[in-house]
Amino acid sequence: MKLYRFLSEDDTSDFCHKVTDALNKGWELYGGPTQAWDTANGVMRCGQAVTKEVEGTYTRDTKLGEH
């Protein structure tokens, strides 16, 4: 099955670490990164979609972060 996750974080090195961690666990980038101004919190936020092929059958109970 193919899994999809959207990673997001404030525009700090924490975002880069989150994406790097996913890549090192076998996730692949899907499309380009995004940025948007978070007016409510007054910060820039970044996002990146990632996908991964794994064994099994998807259900809503699938723990995406555990793969």
C-alpha atoms as a PDB file:
ATOM      1  CA  MET A   1       0.000   0.000   0.000  1.00  0.00           C
ATOM      2  CA  LYS A   2       1.082   3.576  -0.497  1.00  0.00           C
ATOM      3  CA  LEU A   3       1.003   5.861   2.543  1.00  0.00           C
ATOM      4  CA  TYR A   4       0.782   9.659   2.473  1.00  0.00           C
ATOM      5  CA  ARG A   5       1.702  12.167   5.163  1.00  0.00           C
ATOM      6  CA  PHE A   6       1.822  15.942   5.228  1.00  0.00           C
ATOM      7  CA  LEU A   7       4.534  17.233   7.526  1.00  0.00           C
ATOM      8  CA  SER A   8       4.278  20.780   8.845  1.00  0.00           C
ATOM      9  CA  GLU A   9       6.162  22.904  11.340  1.00  0.00           C
ATOM     10  CA  ASP A  10       7.177  26.492  12.020  1.00  0.00           C
ATOM     11  CA  ASP A  11       9.878  27.737   9.629  1.00  0.00           C
ATOM     12  CA  THR A  12      12.801  26.685  11.826  1.00  0.00           C
ATOM     13  CA  SER A  13      15.399  23.941  11.696  1.00  0.00           C
ATOM     14  CA  ASP A  14      12.787  21.706  13.397  1.00  0.00           C
ATOM     15  CA  PHE A  15      10.957  21.486  10.062  1.00  0.00           C
ATOM     16  CA  CYS A  16      14.126  20.366   8.267  1.00  0.00           C
ATOM     17  CA  HIS A  17      14.812  17.787  10.986  1.00  0.00           C
ATOM     18  CA  LYS A  18      11.243  16.443  10.715  1.00  0.00           C
ATOM     19  CA  VAL A  19      11.548  15.996   6.928  1.00  0.00           C
ATOM     20  CA  THR A  20      15.077  14.559   7.214  1.00  0.00           C
ATOM     21  CA  ASP A  21      13.867  12.029   9.792  1.00  0.00           C
ATOM     22  CA  ALA A  22      11.047  10.927   7.464  1.00  0.00           C
ATOM     23  CA  LEU A  23      13.447  10.573   4.511  1.00  0.00           C
ATOM     24  CA  ASN A  24      15.800   8.444   6.595  1.00  0.00           C
ATOM     25  CA  LYS A  25      12.858   6.180   7.505  1.00  0.00           C
ATOM     26  CA  GLY A  26      12.190   5.500   3.815  1.00  0.00           C
ATOM     27  CA  TRP A  27       9.594   8.181   3.035  1.00  0.00           C
ATOM     28  CA  GLU A  28       9.966   9.997  -0.306  1.00  0.00           C
ATOM     29  CA  LEU A  29       9.225  13.631  -1.095  1.00  0.00           C
ATOM     30  CA  TYR A  30       5.945  14.157  -2.917  1.00  0.00           C
ATOM     31  CA  GLY A  31       5.834  17.496  -4.704  1.00  0.00           C
ATOM     32  CA  GLY A  32       7.539  20.622  -3.498  1.00  0.00           C
ATOM     33  CA  PRO A  33       7.546  22.260  -0.083  1.00  0.00           C
ATOM     34  CA  THR A  34       5.043  24.955   0.826  1.00  0.00           C
ATOM     35  CA  GLN A  35       5.132  28.014   3.058  1.00  0.00           C
ATOM     36  CA  ALA A  36       2.309  30.086   4.487  1.00  0.00           C
ATOM     37  CA  TRP A  37       2.067  32.890   7.002  1.00  0.00           C
ATOM     38  CA  ASP A  38       0.212  31.769  10.162  1.00  0.00           C
ATOM     39  CA  THR A  39      -1.598  34.975  11.104  1.00  0.00           C
ATOM     40  CA  ALA A  40      -3.015  33.575  14.334  1.00  0.00           C
ATOM     41  CA  ASN A  41       0.457  32.762  15.696  1.00  0.00           C
ATOM     42  CA  GLY A  42       2.511  35.334  13.773  1.00  0.00           C
ATOM     43  CA  VAL A  43       4.932  32.813  12.268  1.00  0.00           C
ATOM     44  CA  MET A  44       5.816  31.357   8.885  1.00  0.00           C
ATOM     45  CA  ARG A  45       4.856  27.682   8.592  1.00  0.00           C
ATOM     46  CA  CYS A  46       6.355  25.126   6.195  1.00  0.00           C
ATOM     47  CA  GLY A  47       4.878  21.928   4.826  1.00  0.00           C
ATOM     48  CA  GLN A  48       6.032  18.953   2.784  1.00  0.00           C
ATOM     49  CA  ALA A  49       4.100  15.940   1.556  1.00  0.00           C
ATOM     50  CA  VAL A  50       5.815  12.546   1.713  1.00  0.00           C
ATOM     51  CA  THR A  51       4.802   9.050   0.565  1.00  0.00           C
ATOM     52  CA  LYS A  52       5.980   5.520   1.300  1.00  0.00           C
ATOM     53  CA  GLU A  53       5.261   2.052  -0.105  1.00  0.00           C
ATOM     54  CA  VAL A  54       4.746  -0.573   2.626  1.00  0.00           C
ATOM     55  CA  GLU A  55       3.253  -4.043   2.986  1.00  0.00           C
ATOM     56  CA  GLY A  56      -0.279  -4.470   4.224  1.00  0.00           C
ATOM     57  CA  THR A  57      -3.740  -3.080   3.683  1.00  0.00           C
ATOM     58  CA  TYR A  58      -4.662   0.472   4.585  1.00  0.00           C
ATOM     59  CA  THR A  59      -7.312   1.175   7.203  1.00  0.00           C
ATOM     60  CA  ARG A  60      -8.084   4.387   9.081  1.00  0.00           C
ATOM     61  CA  ASP A  61      -6.360   2.766  12.074  1.00  0.00           C
ATOM     62  CA  THR A  62      -3.014   2.631  10.212  1.00  0.00           C
ATOM     63  CA  LYS A  63      -0.422   4.533  12.267  1.00  0.00           C
ATOM     64  CA  LEU A  64       1.334   6.536   9.557  1.00  0.00           C
ATOM     65  CA  GLY A  65       4.126   7.775  11.813  1.00  0.00           C
ATOM     66  CA  GLU A  66       5.088   4.220  12.796  1.00  0.00           C
ATOM     67  CA  HIS A  67       6.137   3.275   9.236  1.00  0.00           C
END
